[in-house]
């Protein structure tokens, strides 16, 4: 499969993930940065053994980098329509948007995309136990925020 086909196949999924992690205003920039870097590699996107997990992990890493560089960042409210989320209250989406990037990524992949902890871990390039830990921390933080 050539680079254009790989990109077309994964573009929507990568943009949805980036939107959940950094918000709609920066999502396309994150995807473009990650794809541009991957294209600079020998063989480009098509040279990757498994482009999907590689690009998902790269989206998460780029989101973390942007989070670290923007000290004023306090979480971006996520537009439920862009994520095609139905029946989620706006305040809950805002609360999830305020979670740290890794917790938000695990939450997005498991609860919104329907992945198991093992498949989310594979996509994120971490162990399943780490995904479960991120989910635990996210639920704990959300409970605290909802109690306030």
N, C-alpha and C. Protein backbone atom coordinates (compact mmCIF):
# COMPACT_ATOMS: atom_id res chain seq x y z
N UNK A 1 0.85 -1.18 0.00
CA UNK A 1 0.00 0.00 0.00
C UNK A 1 0.90 1.24 0.00
N UNK A 2 0.56 2.23 -0.81
CA UNK A 2 1.40 3.43 -0.87
C UNK A 2 1.01 4.43 0.23
N UNK A 3 1.83 5.46 0.39
CA UNK A 3 1.65 6.44 1.46
C UNK A 3 0.27 7.10 1.44
N UNK A 4 -0.20 7.47 0.25
CA UNK A 4 -1.49 8.15 0.14
C UNK A 4 -2.63 7.25 0.61
N UNK A 5 -2.58 5.98 0.27
CA UNK A 5 -3.63 5.05 0.70
C UNK A 5 -3.62 4.84 2.21
N UNK A 6 -2.42 4.72 2.77
CA UNK A 6 -2.30 4.56 4.22
C UNK A 6 -2.90 5.78 4.91
N UNK A 7 -2.53 6.97 4.43
CA UNK A 7 -3.03 8.21 5.03
C UNK A 7 -4.56 8.30 4.91
N UNK A 8 -5.09 8.02 3.72
CA UNK A 8 -6.54 8.09 3.53
C UNK A 8 -7.28 7.11 4.43
N UNK A 9 -6.70 5.95 4.62
CA UNK A 9 -7.34 4.93 5.46
C UNK A 9 -7.38 5.34 6.94
N UNK A 10 -6.35 6.05 7.41
CA UNK A 10 -6.22 6.36 8.83
C UNK A 10 -6.54 7.80 9.19
N UNK A 11 -6.70 8.66 8.22
CA UNK A 11 -6.86 10.10 8.45
C UNK A 11 -7.99 10.43 9.43
N UNK A 12 -9.17 9.88 9.21
CA UNK A 12 -10.32 10.20 10.06
C UNK A 12 -10.08 9.75 11.50
N UNK A 13 -9.59 8.54 11.67
CA UNK A 13 -9.33 8.00 13.01
C UNK A 13 -8.27 8.83 13.75
N UNK A 14 -7.22 9.21 13.06
CA UNK A 14 -6.16 10.01 13.67
C UNK A 14 -6.67 11.39 14.06
N UNK A 15 -7.49 11.99 13.22
CA UNK A 15 -8.04 13.31 13.51
C UNK A 15 -8.99 13.26 14.69
N UNK A 16 -9.79 12.21 14.78
CA UNK A 16 -10.69 12.05 15.93
C UNK A 16 -9.89 11.95 17.23
N UNK A 17 -8.84 11.14 17.22
CA UNK A 17 -8.01 10.99 18.41
C UNK A 17 -7.35 12.32 18.76
N UNK A 18 -6.77 12.98 17.79
CA UNK A 18 -6.12 14.26 18.06
C UNK A 18 -7.13 15.29 18.58
N UNK A 19 -8.34 15.27 18.07
CA UNK A 19 -9.38 16.19 18.55
C UNK A 19 -9.70 15.93 20.01
N UNK A 20 -9.76 14.65 20.38
CA UNK A 20 -10.03 14.30 21.78
C UNK A 20 -8.89 14.71 22.69
N UNK A 21 -7.67 14.74 22.16
CA UNK A 21 -6.50 15.01 22.99
C UNK A 21 -6.15 16.50 23.08
N UNK A 22 -6.24 17.22 21.97
CA UNK A 22 -5.80 18.62 21.98
C UNK A 22 -6.89 19.61 21.60
N UNK A 23 -8.06 19.11 21.24
CA UNK A 23 -9.15 20.00 20.85
C UNK A 23 -9.19 20.20 19.34
N UNK A 24 -10.33 20.66 18.84
CA UNK A 24 -10.51 20.78 17.40
C UNK A 24 -9.62 21.83 16.73
N UNK A 25 -9.21 22.85 17.47
CA UNK A 25 -8.42 23.90 16.84
C UNK A 25 -7.00 23.45 16.51
N UNK A 26 -6.47 22.46 17.22
CA UNK A 26 -5.09 22.02 16.98
C UNK A 26 -5.00 20.61 16.41
N UNK A 27 -6.11 19.92 16.30
CA UNK A 27 -6.09 18.51 15.89
C UNK A 27 -5.44 18.30 14.52
N UNK A 28 -5.82 19.09 13.55
CA UNK A 28 -5.27 18.90 12.21
C UNK A 28 -3.77 19.21 12.17
N UNK A 29 -3.33 20.19 12.98
CA UNK A 29 -1.89 20.49 13.06
C UNK A 29 -1.12 19.31 13.63
N UNK A 30 -1.69 18.67 14.66
CA UNK A 30 -1.03 17.52 15.27
C UNK A 30 -0.92 16.39 14.25
N UNK A 31 -2.00 16.10 13.56
CA UNK A 31 -1.99 15.03 12.56
C UNK A 31 -0.99 15.35 11.45
N UNK A 32 -1.01 16.58 10.97
CA UNK A 32 -0.09 16.98 9.90
C UNK A 32 1.37 16.84 10.33
N UNK A 33 1.67 17.25 11.56
CA UNK A 33 3.03 17.14 12.07
C UNK A 33 3.48 15.69 12.13
N UNK A 34 2.61 14.84 12.66
CA UNK A 34 2.95 13.42 12.80
C UNK A 34 3.12 12.76 11.45
N UNK A 35 2.21 13.03 10.53
CA UNK A 35 2.29 12.41 9.20
C UNK A 35 3.53 12.91 8.45
N UNK A 36 3.82 14.19 8.57
CA UNK A 36 5.01 14.74 7.90
C UNK A 36 6.28 14.06 8.42
N UNK A 37 6.35 13.87 9.72
CA UNK A 37 7.53 13.20 10.29
C UNK A 37 7.63 11.75 9.82
N UNK A 38 6.48 11.09 9.75
CA UNK A 38 6.49 9.69 9.30
C UNK A 38 6.90 9.60 7.83
N UNK A 39 6.50 10.57 7.03
CA UNK A 39 6.86 10.56 5.61
C UNK A 39 8.36 10.79 5.40
N UNK A 40 9.00 11.45 6.37
CA UNK A 40 10.44 11.69 6.29
C UNK A 40 11.25 10.43 6.58
N UNK A 41 10.63 9.45 7.20
CA UNK A 41 11.32 8.20 7.51
C UNK A 41 11.61 7.45 6.21
N UNK A 42 12.66 6.63 6.20
CA UNK A 42 12.91 5.80 5.01
C UNK A 42 11.70 4.89 4.76
N UNK A 43 11.16 4.95 3.59
CA UNK A 43 9.99 4.15 3.25
C UNK A 43 8.68 4.83 3.53
N UNK A 44 8.70 5.97 4.23
CA UNK A 44 7.47 6.72 4.51
C UNK A 44 6.47 5.91 5.31
N UNK A 45 5.21 6.23 5.15
CA UNK A 45 4.13 5.53 5.87
C UNK A 45 4.04 4.07 5.44
N UNK A 46 4.19 3.84 4.15
CA UNK A 46 4.06 2.48 3.64
C UNK A 46 5.23 1.59 4.07
N UNK A 47 6.32 2.20 4.53
CA UNK A 47 7.47 1.42 4.99
C UNK A 47 7.34 0.94 6.42
N UNK A 48 6.31 1.39 7.12
CA UNK A 48 6.08 0.96 8.50
C UNK A 48 5.43 -0.42 8.50
N UNK A 49 5.87 -1.29 9.40
CA UNK A 49 5.25 -2.61 9.50
C UNK A 49 3.77 -2.50 9.84
N UNK A 50 3.48 -1.68 10.84
CA UNK A 50 2.10 -1.45 11.25
C UNK A 50 1.90 0.04 11.44
N UNK A 51 1.44 0.74 10.41
CA UNK A 51 1.33 2.20 10.50
C UNK A 51 0.32 2.70 11.53
N UNK A 52 -0.77 1.98 11.72
CA UNK A 52 -1.82 2.46 12.62
C UNK A 52 -1.32 2.63 14.06
N UNK A 53 -0.77 1.60 14.71
CA UNK A 53 -0.28 1.79 16.08
C UNK A 53 0.85 2.82 16.16
N UNK A 54 1.70 2.82 15.15
CA UNK A 54 2.80 3.79 15.14
C UNK A 54 2.25 5.22 15.12
N UNK A 55 1.29 5.49 14.25
CA UNK A 55 0.74 6.84 14.13
C UNK A 55 -0.10 7.23 15.34
N UNK A 56 -0.83 6.29 15.92
CA UNK A 56 -1.61 6.59 17.13
C UNK A 56 -0.67 6.97 18.27
N UNK A 57 0.38 6.20 18.44
CA UNK A 57 1.34 6.54 19.50
C UNK A 57 2.00 7.89 19.22
N UNK A 58 2.30 8.16 17.96
CA UNK A 58 2.90 9.45 17.60
C UNK A 58 1.94 10.61 17.86
N UNK A 59 0.64 10.41 17.62
CA UNK A 59 -0.37 11.44 17.91
C UNK A 59 -0.39 11.72 19.42
N UNK A 60 -0.36 10.67 20.22
CA UNK A 60 -0.36 10.84 21.68
C UNK A 60 0.90 11.58 22.12
N UNK A 61 2.05 11.19 21.59
CA UNK A 61 3.30 11.84 21.96
C UNK A 61 3.33 13.31 21.54
N UNK A 62 2.88 13.60 20.34
CA UNK A 62 2.85 15.00 19.88
C UNK A 62 1.89 15.82 20.73
N UNK A 63 0.77 15.23 21.14
CA UNK A 63 -0.19 15.92 22.00
C UNK A 63 0.45 16.24 23.35
N UNK A 64 1.19 15.27 23.89
CA UNK A 64 1.89 15.50 25.16
C UNK A 64 2.93 16.60 25.02
N UNK A 65 3.64 16.61 23.91
CA UNK A 65 4.65 17.64 23.67
C UNK A 65 4.00 19.02 23.63
N UNK A 66 2.89 19.13 22.93
CA UNK A 66 2.19 20.42 22.86
C UNK A 66 1.67 20.83 24.23
N UNK A 67 1.21 19.87 24.99
CA UNK A 67 0.72 20.15 26.34
C UNK A 67 1.85 20.70 27.21
N UNK A 68 3.01 20.08 27.13
CA UNK A 68 4.16 20.52 27.94
C UNK A 68 4.64 21.90 27.52
N UNK A 69 4.58 22.21 26.25
CA UNK A 69 5.09 23.49 25.77
C UNK A 69 4.12 24.64 25.98
N UNK A 70 2.86 24.34 26.19
CA UNK A 70 1.87 25.41 26.39
C UNK A 70 1.48 25.43 27.86
N UNK A 71 2.18 26.21 28.64
CA UNK A 71 1.96 26.27 30.09
C UNK A 71 0.56 26.78 30.43
N UNK A 72 -0.03 27.53 29.52
CA UNK A 72 -1.35 28.10 29.78
C UNK A 72 -2.46 27.11 29.51
N UNK A 73 -2.14 25.97 28.92
CA UNK A 73 -3.14 24.99 28.52
C UNK A 73 -3.83 24.40 29.74
N UNK A 74 -5.13 24.37 29.73
CA UNK A 74 -5.85 23.81 30.87
C UNK A 74 -6.89 22.80 30.42
N UNK A 75 -6.68 22.22 29.28
CA UNK A 75 -7.64 21.27 28.74
C UNK A 75 -8.53 21.97 27.73
N UNK A 76 -8.74 21.35 26.61
CA UNK A 76 -9.59 21.92 25.59
C UNK A 76 -10.94 21.25 25.64
N UNK A 77 -12.02 22.03 25.68
CA UNK A 77 -13.31 21.38 25.59
C UNK A 77 -13.43 20.69 24.23
N UNK A 78 -13.93 19.49 24.24
CA UNK A 78 -14.05 18.71 23.03
C UNK A 78 -15.47 18.81 22.52
N UNK A 79 -15.62 19.07 21.23
CA UNK A 79 -16.93 19.18 20.61
C UNK A 79 -17.48 17.78 20.37
N UNK A 80 -18.56 17.40 21.07
CA UNK A 80 -19.10 16.04 20.92
C UNK A 80 -19.51 15.72 19.49
N UNK A 81 -19.96 16.72 18.74
CA UNK A 81 -20.37 16.48 17.36
C UNK A 81 -19.18 16.03 16.52
N UNK A 82 -18.00 16.62 16.77
CA UNK A 82 -16.82 16.25 15.99
C UNK A 82 -16.40 14.83 16.29
N UNK A 83 -16.63 14.37 17.49
CA UNK A 83 -16.26 13.01 17.86
C UNK A 83 -17.39 12.02 17.61
N UNK A 84 -18.52 12.52 17.16
CA UNK A 84 -19.71 11.72 16.95
C UNK A 84 -20.12 10.99 18.22
N UNK A 85 -20.07 11.72 19.32
CA UNK A 85 -20.47 11.16 20.60
C UNK A 85 -21.93 11.52 20.81
N UNK A 86 -22.72 10.54 21.15
CA UNK A 86 -24.13 10.78 21.34
C UNK A 86 -24.46 10.61 22.82
N UNK A 87 -25.32 11.44 23.35
CA UNK A 87 -25.82 11.35 24.71
C UNK A 87 -24.78 11.65 25.78
N UNK A 88 -23.71 12.32 25.46
CA UNK A 88 -22.76 12.75 26.48
C UNK A 88 -23.04 14.20 26.81
N UNK A 89 -23.13 14.48 28.10
CA UNK A 89 -23.36 15.85 28.50
C UNK A 89 -22.12 16.68 28.23
N UNK A 90 -22.34 17.93 27.86
CA UNK A 90 -21.23 18.82 27.55
C UNK A 90 -20.26 18.93 28.72
N UNK A 91 -20.78 18.99 29.93
CA UNK A 91 -19.89 19.14 31.08
C UNK A 91 -18.99 17.91 31.25
N UNK A 92 -19.49 16.72 30.96
CA UNK A 92 -18.67 15.52 31.07
C UNK A 92 -17.56 15.54 30.04
N UNK A 93 -17.87 15.97 28.82
CA UNK A 93 -16.86 16.06 27.78
C UNK A 93 -15.80 17.09 28.18
N UNK A 94 -16.22 18.20 28.79
CA UNK A 94 -15.26 19.20 29.27
C UNK A 94 -14.36 18.61 30.36
N UNK A 95 -14.94 17.82 31.25
CA UNK A 95 -14.16 17.21 32.32
C UNK A 95 -13.13 16.24 31.76
N UNK A 96 -13.54 15.42 30.81
CA UNK A 96 -12.61 14.49 30.18
C UNK A 96 -11.51 15.27 29.46
N UNK A 97 -11.88 16.39 28.86
CA UNK A 97 -10.90 17.23 28.17
C UNK A 97 -9.85 17.81 29.10
N UNK A 98 -10.15 17.86 30.39
CA UNK A 98 -9.21 18.41 31.36
C UNK A 98 -8.26 17.36 31.93
N UNK A 99 -8.44 16.09 31.57
CA UNK A 99 -7.55 15.03 32.05
C UNK A 99 -6.19 15.15 31.37
N UNK A 100 -5.14 14.62 32.00
CA UNK A 100 -3.84 14.56 31.33
C UNK A 100 -3.93 13.76 30.03
N UNK A 101 -3.06 14.04 29.10
CA UNK A 101 -3.14 13.48 27.75
C UNK A 101 -3.20 11.95 27.75
N UNK A 102 -2.34 11.28 28.51
CA UNK A 102 -2.33 9.82 28.49
C UNK A 102 -3.65 9.25 29.02
N UNK A 103 -4.19 9.85 30.08
CA UNK A 103 -5.46 9.39 30.62
C UNK A 103 -6.59 9.65 29.62
N UNK A 104 -6.54 10.80 28.95
CA UNK A 104 -7.55 11.14 27.96
C UNK A 104 -7.47 10.18 26.78
N UNK A 105 -6.26 9.83 26.35
CA UNK A 105 -6.10 8.89 25.24
C UNK A 105 -6.66 7.52 25.60
N UNK A 106 -6.34 7.03 26.78
CA UNK A 106 -6.86 5.73 27.21
C UNK A 106 -8.38 5.76 27.30
N UNK A 107 -8.92 6.82 27.87
CA UNK A 107 -10.37 6.98 27.98
C UNK A 107 -11.02 7.00 26.61
N UNK A 108 -10.45 7.76 25.70
CA UNK A 108 -10.99 7.85 24.34
C UNK A 108 -10.98 6.48 23.65
N UNK A 109 -9.84 5.82 23.69
CA UNK A 109 -9.73 4.54 22.98
C UNK A 109 -10.62 3.46 23.58
N UNK A 110 -10.71 3.40 24.91
CA UNK A 110 -11.48 2.33 25.55
C UNK A 110 -12.98 2.64 25.58
N UNK A 111 -13.34 3.83 26.06
CA UNK A 111 -14.75 4.12 26.26
C UNK A 111 -15.46 4.67 25.03
N UNK A 112 -14.76 5.42 24.19
CA UNK A 112 -15.42 5.99 23.01
C UNK A 112 -15.21 5.15 21.77
N UNK A 113 -14.04 4.53 21.64
CA UNK A 113 -13.75 3.74 20.45
C UNK A 113 -14.04 2.25 20.67
N UNK A 114 -14.21 1.83 21.92
CA UNK A 114 -14.59 0.46 22.21
C UNK A 114 -13.44 -0.55 22.22
N UNK A 115 -12.21 -0.07 22.32
CA UNK A 115 -11.07 -0.99 22.39
C UNK A 115 -10.99 -1.63 23.77
N UNK A 116 -10.41 -2.81 23.82
CA UNK A 116 -10.10 -3.42 25.11
C UNK A 116 -8.84 -2.74 25.64
N UNK A 117 -8.53 -2.99 26.90
CA UNK A 117 -7.30 -2.43 27.46
C UNK A 117 -6.08 -2.96 26.70
N UNK A 118 -6.13 -4.22 26.29
CA UNK A 118 -5.01 -4.81 25.56
C UNK A 118 -4.84 -4.17 24.18
N UNK A 119 -5.94 -3.97 23.46
CA UNK A 119 -5.79 -3.37 22.13
C UNK A 119 -5.43 -1.89 22.23
N UNK A 120 -5.97 -1.18 23.23
CA UNK A 120 -5.58 0.22 23.44
C UNK A 120 -4.10 0.30 23.79
N UNK A 121 -3.63 -0.63 24.60
CA UNK A 121 -2.21 -0.66 24.98
C UNK A 121 -1.33 -0.88 23.75
N UNK A 122 -1.76 -1.77 22.90
CA UNK A 122 -1.01 -2.03 21.67
C UNK A 122 -0.94 -0.77 20.80
N UNK A 123 -2.05 -0.06 20.70
CA UNK A 123 -2.08 1.16 19.90
C UNK A 123 -1.25 2.28 20.53
N UNK A 124 -1.24 2.34 21.85
CA UNK A 124 -0.52 3.39 22.55
C UNK A 124 0.96 3.04 22.76
N UNK A 125 1.31 1.79 22.53
CA UNK A 125 2.70 1.37 22.71
C UNK A 125 3.09 1.21 24.18
N UNK A 126 2.12 0.82 25.00
CA UNK A 126 2.37 0.62 26.42
C UNK A 126 1.77 -0.72 26.84
N UNK A 127 1.94 -1.09 28.10
CA UNK A 127 1.39 -2.35 28.59
C UNK A 127 -0.09 -2.21 28.95
N UNK A 128 -0.87 -3.29 28.85
CA UNK A 128 -2.28 -3.23 29.24
C UNK A 128 -2.48 -2.77 30.69
N UNK A 129 -1.58 -3.17 31.58
CA UNK A 129 -1.69 -2.73 32.98
C UNK A 129 -1.57 -1.22 33.09
N UNK A 130 -0.76 -0.61 32.22
CA UNK A 130 -0.62 0.84 32.24
C UNK A 130 -1.90 1.51 31.76
N UNK A 131 -2.53 0.95 30.74
CA UNK A 131 -3.82 1.48 30.28
C UNK A 131 -4.84 1.40 31.40
N UNK A 132 -4.90 0.24 32.07
CA UNK A 132 -5.86 0.10 33.17
C UNK A 132 -5.57 1.11 34.28
N UNK A 133 -4.30 1.39 34.52
CA UNK A 133 -3.91 2.39 35.53
C UNK A 133 -4.38 3.78 35.10
N UNK A 134 -4.16 4.13 33.85
CA UNK A 134 -4.63 5.43 33.34
C UNK A 134 -6.15 5.55 33.46
N UNK A 135 -6.86 4.46 33.16
CA UNK A 135 -8.32 4.48 33.27
C UNK A 135 -8.76 4.65 34.72
N UNK A 136 -8.06 3.96 35.63
CA UNK A 136 -8.36 4.09 37.05
C UNK A 136 -8.15 5.53 37.51
N UNK A 137 -7.02 6.11 37.13
CA UNK A 137 -6.73 7.49 37.53
C UNK A 137 -7.74 8.46 36.91
N UNK A 138 -8.13 8.21 35.67
CA UNK A 138 -9.11 9.07 35.01
C UNK A 138 -10.46 8.99 35.73
N UNK A 139 -10.91 7.78 36.04
CA UNK A 139 -12.19 7.64 36.75
C UNK A 139 -12.14 8.32 38.11
N UNK A 140 -11.02 8.15 38.82
CA UNK A 140 -10.86 8.77 40.13
C UNK A 140 -10.93 10.30 40.02
N UNK A 141 -10.22 10.85 39.05
CA UNK A 141 -10.21 12.30 38.85
C UNK A 141 -11.60 12.80 38.45
N UNK A 142 -12.27 12.08 37.58
CA UNK A 142 -13.62 12.47 37.16
C UNK A 142 -14.60 12.42 38.33
N UNK A 143 -14.47 11.41 39.18
CA UNK A 143 -15.32 11.34 40.37
C UNK A 143 -15.10 12.55 41.26
N UNK A 144 -13.83 12.91 41.46
CA UNK A 144 -13.52 14.09 42.29
C UNK A 144 -14.12 15.35 41.69
N UNK A 145 -13.97 15.50 40.39
CA UNK A 145 -14.49 16.70 39.72
C UNK A 145 -16.02 16.75 39.77
N UNK A 146 -16.64 15.60 39.63
CA UNK A 146 -18.11 15.56 39.66
C UNK A 146 -18.65 15.81 41.08
N UNK A 147 -17.88 15.42 42.09
CA UNK A 147 -18.29 15.66 43.47
C UNK A 147 -18.23 17.13 43.85
N UNK A 148 -17.40 17.91 43.15
CA UNK A 148 -17.23 19.33 43.49
C UNK A 148 -18.44 20.15 43.17
